[in-house]
PDB file of N, CA and C in Angstrom:
ATOM      1  N   MET A   1     137.648  65.929  63.872  1.00  0.00           N
ATOM      2  CA  MET A   1     137.182  64.773  62.982  1.00  0.00           C
ATOM      3  C   MET A   1     138.524  64.991  61.911  1.00  0.00           C
ATOM      4  N   ALA A   2     138.794  63.911  61.914  1.00  0.00           N
ATOM      5  CA  ALA A   2     139.916  63.616  61.232  1.00  0.00           C
ATOM      6  C   ALA A   2     139.970  63.537  59.231  1.00  0.00           C
ATOM      7  N   THR A   3     140.493  64.586  58.513  1.00  0.00           N
ATOM      8  CA  THR A   3     140.313  64.836  57.402  1.00  0.00           C
ATOM      9  C   THR A   3     140.150  63.438  56.594  1.00  0.00           C
ATOM     10  N   ASN A   4     141.186  62.478  56.832  1.00  0.00           N
ATOM     11  CA  ASN A   4     141.073  61.331  55.791  1.00  0.00           C
ATOM     12  C   ASN A   4     140.332  59.998  56.041  1.00  0.00           C
ATOM     13  N   ARG A   5     139.040  60.408  56.615  1.00  0.00           N
ATOM     14  CA  ARG A   5     138.256  59.447  56.934  1.00  0.00           C
ATOM     15  C   ARG A   5     137.250  59.545  55.603  1.00  0.00           C
ATOM     16  N   LEU A   6     136.709  58.193  55.489  1.00  0.00           N
ATOM     17  CA  LEU A   6     135.535  57.891  53.909  1.00  0.00           C
ATOM     18  C   LEU A   6     134.512  57.974  54.284  1.00  0.00           C
ATOM     19  N   ALA A   7     133.640  58.533  53.336  1.00  0.00           N
ATOM     20  CA  ALA A   7     131.837  57.996  53.860  1.00  0.00           C
ATOM     21  C   ALA A   7     131.722  57.036  52.807  1.00  0.00           C
ATOM     22  N   CYS A   8     130.454  56.281  53.095  1.00  0.00           N
ATOM     23  CA  CYS A   8     129.986  55.370  52.254  1.00  0.00           C
ATOM     24  C   CYS A   8     129.182  55.912  51.499  1.00  0.00           C
ATOM     25  N   ARG A   9     129.048  55.883  49.790  1.00  0.00           N
ATOM     26  CA  ARG A   9     127.882  56.152  49.072  1.00  0.00           C
ATOM     27  C   ARG A   9     126.641  55.666  49.502  1.00  0.00           C
ATOM     28  N   GLU A  10     126.856  54.523  49.617  1.00  0.00           N
ATOM     29  CA  GLU A  10     125.617  53.658  49.768  1.00  0.00           C
ATOM     30  C   GLU A  10     124.579  54.097  51.428  1.00  0.00           C
ATOM     31  N   CYS A  11     125.415  54.154  52.367  1.00  0.00           N
ATOM     32  CA  CYS A  11     124.568  54.187  53.711  1.00  0.00           C
ATOM     33  C   CYS A  11     125.126  55.496  54.430  1.00  0.00           C
ATOM     34  N   HIS A  12     126.064  56.104  53.882  1.00  0.00           N
ATOM     35  CA  HIS A  12     126.894  57.423  54.544  1.00  0.00           C
ATOM     36  C   HIS A  12     127.709  56.884  55.520  1.00  0.00           C
ATOM     37  N   ARG A  13     127.883  56.190  56.314  1.00  0.00           N
ATOM     38  CA  ARG A  13     128.372  55.857  57.312  1.00  0.00           C
ATOM     39  C   ARG A  13     129.762  56.266  57.107  1.00  0.00           C
ATOM     40  N   ILE A  14     130.626  56.790  58.310  1.00  0.00           N
ATOM     41  CA  ILE A  14     131.643  57.336  58.135  1.00  0.00           C
ATOM     42  C   ILE A  14     132.823  56.106  58.644  1.00  0.00           C
ATOM     43  N   ASN A  15     133.809  55.919  57.848  1.00  0.00           N
ATOM     44  CA  ASN A  15     134.607  54.633  58.008  1.00  0.00           C
ATOM     45  C   ASN A  15     136.284  54.895  58.060  1.00  0.00           C
ATOM     46  N   ASP A  16     136.965  54.459  58.418  1.00  0.00           N
ATOM     47  CA  ASP A  16     138.273  54.816  58.731  1.00  0.00           C
ATOM     48  C   ASP A  16     139.005  55.138  57.469  1.00  0.00           C
ATOM     49  N   GLY A  17     140.297  55.724  57.222  1.00  0.00           N
ATOM     50  CA  GLY A  17     140.829  56.254  55.846  1.00  0.00           C
ATOM     51  C   GLY A  17     141.465  55.065  55.070  1.00  0.00           C
ATOM     52  N   ASP A  18     141.575  54.078  56.164  1.00  0.00           N
ATOM     53  CA  ASP A  18     142.334  52.984  55.421  1.00  0.00           C
ATOM     54  C   ASP A  18     141.400  51.459  55.059  1.00  0.00           C
ATOM     55  N   ALA A  19     140.026  51.910  55.356  1.00  0.00           N
ATOM     56  CA  ALA A  19     138.823  50.858  55.044  1.00  0.00           C
ATOM     57  C   ALA A  19     138.763  50.773  53.476  1.00  0.00           C
ATOM     58  N   ALA A  20     138.730  49.288  52.801  1.00  0.00           N
ATOM     59  CA  ALA A  20     138.302  49.057  51.902  1.00  0.00           C
ATOM     60  C   ALA A  20     137.021  48.694  51.566  1.00  0.00           C
ATOM     61  N   THR A  21     136.185  48.063  52.468  1.00  0.00           N
ATOM     62  CA  THR A  21     134.788  48.343  52.205  1.00  0.00           C
ATOM     63  C   THR A  21     133.725  48.692  53.365  1.00  0.00           C
ATOM     64  N   CYS A  22     133.038  49.578  53.715  1.00  0.00           N
ATOM     65  CA  CYS A  22     132.182  49.935  54.600  1.00  0.00           C
ATOM     66  C   CYS A  22     131.922  49.139  55.865  1.00  0.00           C
ATOM     67  N   VAL A  23     132.004  49.578  56.904  1.00  0.00           N
ATOM     68  CA  VAL A  23     131.570  48.660  57.876  1.00  0.00           C
ATOM     69  C   VAL A  23     130.169  48.134  58.328  1.00  0.00           C
ATOM     70  N   SER A  24     129.656  49.089  58.048  1.00  0.00           N
ATOM     71  CA  SER A  24     128.114  48.850  58.085  1.00  0.00           C
ATOM     72  C   SER A  24     127.051  47.855  57.235  1.00  0.00           C
ATOM     73  N   CYS A  25     127.460  48.435  55.770  1.00  0.00           N
ATOM     74  CA  CYS A  25     127.132  47.778  54.861  1.00  0.00           C
ATOM     75  C   CYS A  25     127.695  46.903  53.721  1.00  0.00           C
ATOM     76  N   GLY A  26     128.956  47.126  53.905  1.00  0.00           N
ATOM     77  CA  GLY A  26     130.136  46.042  53.205  1.00  0.00           C
ATOM     78  C   GLY A  26     130.190  46.861  51.603  1.00  0.00           C
ATOM     79  N   SER A  27     129.677  47.727  51.282  1.00  0.00           N
ATOM     80  CA  SER A  27     129.798  48.570  49.899  1.00  0.00           C
ATOM     81  C   SER A  27     131.224  49.106  50.138  1.00  0.00           C
ATOM     82  N   SER A  28     131.848  48.735  48.267  1.00  0.00           N
ATOM     83  CA  SER A  28     133.010  49.483  48.412  1.00  0.00           C
ATOM     84  C   SER A  28     133.107  50.659  47.823  1.00  0.00           C
ATOM     85  N   SER A  29     132.296  51.208  47.510  1.00  0.00           N
ATOM     86  CA  SER A  29     132.151  52.495  47.232  1.00  0.00           C
ATOM     87  C   SER A  29     132.202  53.895  48.011  1.00  0.00           C
ATOM     88  N   LEU A  30     133.409  53.955  48.959  1.00  0.00           N
ATOM     89  CA  LEU A  30     133.560  54.661  49.448  1.00  0.00           C
ATOM     90  C   LEU A  30     134.406  55.958  49.028  1.00  0.00           C
ATOM     91  N   THR A  31     134.217  57.589  49.583  1.00  0.00           N
ATOM     92  CA  THR A  31     134.700  58.462  49.040  1.00  0.00           C
ATOM     93  C   THR A  31     134.977  59.626  49.989  1.00  0.00           C
ATOM     94  N   GLU A  32     136.325  60.253  49.971  1.00  0.00           N
ATOM     95  CA  GLU A  32     137.040  61.461  50.645  1.00  0.00           C
ATOM     96  C   GLU A  32     136.002  62.586  50.612  1.00  0.00           C
ATOM     97  N   ASP A  33     134.968  62.796  49.180  1.00  0.00           N
ATOM     98  CA  ASP A  33     133.748  63.832  48.979  1.00  0.00           C
ATOM     99  C   ASP A  33     132.937  63.825  49.778  1.00  0.00           C
ATOM    100  N   TRP A  34     132.768  64.225  51.241  1.00  0.00           N
ATOM    101  CA  TRP A  34     131.472  64.297  51.826  1.00  0.00           C
ATOM    102  C   TRP A  34     131.950  65.845  52.523  1.00  0.00           C
ATOM    103  N   ALA A  35     130.339  65.987  53.374  1.00  0.00           N
ATOM    104  CA  ALA A  35     130.266  67.269  54.030  1.00  0.00           C
ATOM    105  C   ALA A  35     129.260  66.680  55.452  1.00  0.00           C
ATOM    106  N   GLY A  36     129.516  67.543  56.154  1.00  0.00           N
ATOM    107  CA  GLY A  36     128.603  67.437  57.344  1.00  0.00           C
ATOM    108  C   GLY A  36     128.956  65.928  58.282  1.00  0.00           C
ATOM    109  N   TYR A  37     128.579  66.177  59.366  1.00  0.00           N
ATOM    110  CA  TYR A  37     129.278  65.082  60.322  1.00  0.00           C
ATOM    111  C   TYR A  37     127.790  64.848  61.487  1.00  0.00           C
ATOM    112  N   VAL A  38     127.201  63.623  61.508  1.00  0.00           N
ATOM    113  CA  VAL A  38     126.410  63.796  62.866  1.00  0.00           C
ATOM    114  C   VAL A  38     126.716  62.125  63.464  1.00  0.00           C
ATOM    115  N   SER A  39     126.694  62.206  64.860  1.00  0.00           N
ATOM    116  CA  SER A  39     126.853  60.806  65.458  1.00  0.00           C
ATOM    117  C   SER A  39     125.573  60.687  66.168  1.00  0.00           C
ATOM    118  N   ILE A  40     125.227  59.445  65.704  1.00  0.00           N
ATOM    119  CA  ILE A  40     123.514  59.153  65.971  1.00  0.00           C
ATOM    120  C   ILE A  40     124.047  57.808  67.348  1.00  0.00           C
ATOM    121  N   ALA A  41     123.372  57.861  68.420  1.00  0.00           N
ATOM    122  CA  ALA A  41     123.779  56.855  69.516  1.00  0.00           C
ATOM    123  C   ALA A  41     122.889  55.969  69.639  1.00  0.00           C
ATOM    124  N   HIS A  42     121.530  56.673  69.549  1.00  0.00           N
ATOM    125  CA  HIS A  42     120.132  55.609  69.933  1.00  0.00           C
ATOM    126  C   HIS A  42     118.977  56.201  68.538  1.00  0.00           C
ATOM    127  N   PRO A  43     119.395  55.544  67.535  1.00  0.00           N
ATOM    128  CA  PRO A  43     118.681  55.376  66.470  1.00  0.00           C
ATOM    129  C   PRO A  43     116.995  55.664  66.300  1.00  0.00           C
ATOM    130  N   GLU A  44     116.920  54.761  67.174  1.00  0.00           N
ATOM    131  CA  GLU A  44     115.357  54.383  67.675  1.00  0.00           C
ATOM    132  C   GLU A  44     114.698  55.332  68.005  1.00  0.00           C
ATOM    133  N   GLU A  45     115.521  56.068  68.485  1.00  0.00           N
ATOM    134  CA  GLU A  45     114.676  57.388  69.606  1.00  0.00           C
ATOM    135  C   GLU A  45     114.897  58.639  68.333  1.00  0.00           C
ATOM    136  N   SER A  46     115.898  58.740  67.423  1.00  0.00           N
ATOM    137  CA  SER A  46     116.307  59.978  66.840  1.00  0.00           C
ATOM    138  C   SER A  46     115.545  60.178  65.804  1.00  0.00           C
ATOM    139  N   GLU A  47     114.915  61.497  65.493  1.00  0.00           N
ATOM    140  CA  GLU A  47     114.226  62.313  64.240  1.00  0.00           C
ATOM    141  C   GLU A  47     115.133  61.999  62.879  1.00  0.00           C
ATOM    142  N   ILE A  48     116.348  62.387  63.339  1.00  0.00           N
ATOM    143  CA  ILE A  48     117.441  62.546  62.372  1.00  0.00           C
ATOM    144  C   ILE A  48     117.520  61.017  61.761  1.00  0.00           C
ATOM    145  N   ALA A  49     117.718  60.294  62.152  1.00  0.00           N
ATOM    146  CA  ALA A  49     118.141  58.580  62.225  1.00  0.00           C
ATOM    147  C   ALA A  49     117.265  57.861  61.400  1.00  0.00           C
ATOM    148  N   THR A  50     115.744  58.220  61.681  1.00  0.00           N
ATOM    149  CA  THR A  50     114.605  58.306  61.208  1.00  0.00           C
ATOM    150  C   THR A  50     114.143  58.682  59.614  1.00  0.00           C
ATOM    151  N   GLU A  51     114.743  60.154  59.408  1.00  0.00           N
ATOM    152  CA  GLU A  51     114.719  60.593  57.767  1.00  0.00           C
ATOM    153  C   GLU A  51     116.021  60.084  57.379  1.00  0.00           C
ATOM    154  N   MET A  52     116.951  59.981  57.752  1.00  0.00           N
ATOM    155  CA  MET A  52     118.388  59.368  57.297  1.00  0.00           C
ATOM    156  C   MET A  52     117.969  57.866  57.152  1.00  0.00           C
ATOM    157  N   GLN A  53     116.928  56.987  57.512  1.00  0.00           N
ATOM    158  CA  GLN A  53     117.133  55.674  57.567  1.00  0.00           C
ATOM    159  C   GLN A  53     117.995  54.881  57.993  1.00  0.00           C
ATOM    160  N   VAL A  54     118.622  55.260  58.913  1.00  0.00           N
ATOM    161  CA  VAL A  54     119.639  55.185  59.939  1.00  0.00           C
ATOM    162  C   VAL A  54     119.081  53.955  61.111  1.00  0.00           C
ATOM    163  N   THR A  55     119.678  52.815  61.112  1.00  0.00           N
ATOM    164  CA  THR A  55     119.270  51.959  62.176  1.00  0.00           C
ATOM    165  C   THR A  55     120.117  51.316  62.788  1.00  0.00           C
ATOM    166  N   GLU A  56     121.604  51.910  62.490  1.00  0.00           N
ATOM    167  CA  GLU A  56     122.558  51.297  63.742  1.00  0.00           C
ATOM    168  C   GLU A  56     123.287  52.455  64.212  1.00  0.00           C
ATOM    169  N   ALA A  57     123.829  52.502  65.300  1.00  0.00           N
ATOM    170  CA  ALA A  57     124.464  53.915  65.891  1.00  0.00           C
ATOM    171  C   ALA A  57     125.734  53.963  65.311  1.00  0.00           C
ATOM    172  N   GLY A  58     126.086  55.312  65.309  1.00  0.00           N
ATOM    173  CA  GLY A  58     127.219  55.110  64.390  1.00  0.00           C
ATOM    174  C   GLY A  58     127.404  56.788  63.981  1.00  0.00           C
ATOM    175  N   ALA A  59     128.395  57.188  63.200  1.00  0.00           N
ATOM    176  CA  ALA A  59     128.778  58.411  62.756  1.00  0.00           C
ATOM    177  C   ALA A  59     128.345  58.517  61.392  1.00  0.00           C
ATOM    178  N   TYR A  60     128.050  59.402  60.698  1.00  0.00           N
ATOM    179  CA  TYR A  60     127.190  59.460  59.230  1.00  0.00           C
ATOM    180  C   TYR A  60     127.381  60.765  58.718  1.00  0.00           C
ATOM    181  N   ALA A  61     127.820  60.684  57.415  1.00  0.00           N
ATOM    182  CA  ALA A  61     128.107  62.359  56.735  1.00  0.00           C
ATOM    183  C   ALA A  61     126.747  62.708  56.320  1.00  0.00           C
ATOM    184  N   LEU A  62     126.401  64.034  56.496  1.00  0.00           N
ATOM    185  CA  LEU A  62     125.178  64.274  55.823  1.00  0.00           C
ATOM    186  C   LEU A  62     125.061  64.638  54.225  1.00  0.00           C
ATOM    187  N   LYS A  63     126.079  64.704  53.404  1.00  0.00           N
ATOM    188  CA  LYS A  63     126.073  64.700  52.411  1.00  0.00           C
ATOM    189  C   LYS A  63     127.354  64.260  51.846  1.00  0.00           C
ATOM    190  N   VAL A  64     127.198  63.305  51.027  1.00  0.00           N
ATOM    191  CA  VAL A  64     127.948  62.360  50.325  1.00  0.00           C
ATOM    192  C   VAL A  64     127.799  62.669  48.841  1.00  0.00           C
ATOM    193  N   ARG A  65     128.928  62.907  47.966  1.00  0.00           N
ATOM    194  CA  ARG A  65     129.205  63.253  46.485  1.00  0.00           C
ATOM    195  C   ARG A  65     129.974  62.181  46.040  1.00  0.00           C
TER     196      ARG A  65
END
């Protein structure tokens, strides 16, 4: 995992370090201050995705500050 990735404060999606907006929700509220990493491949079958309210496959931060 690269240290320069940014997490969206709105949906917790992990974005490239040079992103200006979130690729998932379009928010411009991105931060380097996040912890934990989960990759969700099949959100419709995942209990973690259900708990996090994730509907798109991708990489997500567990905690965003």
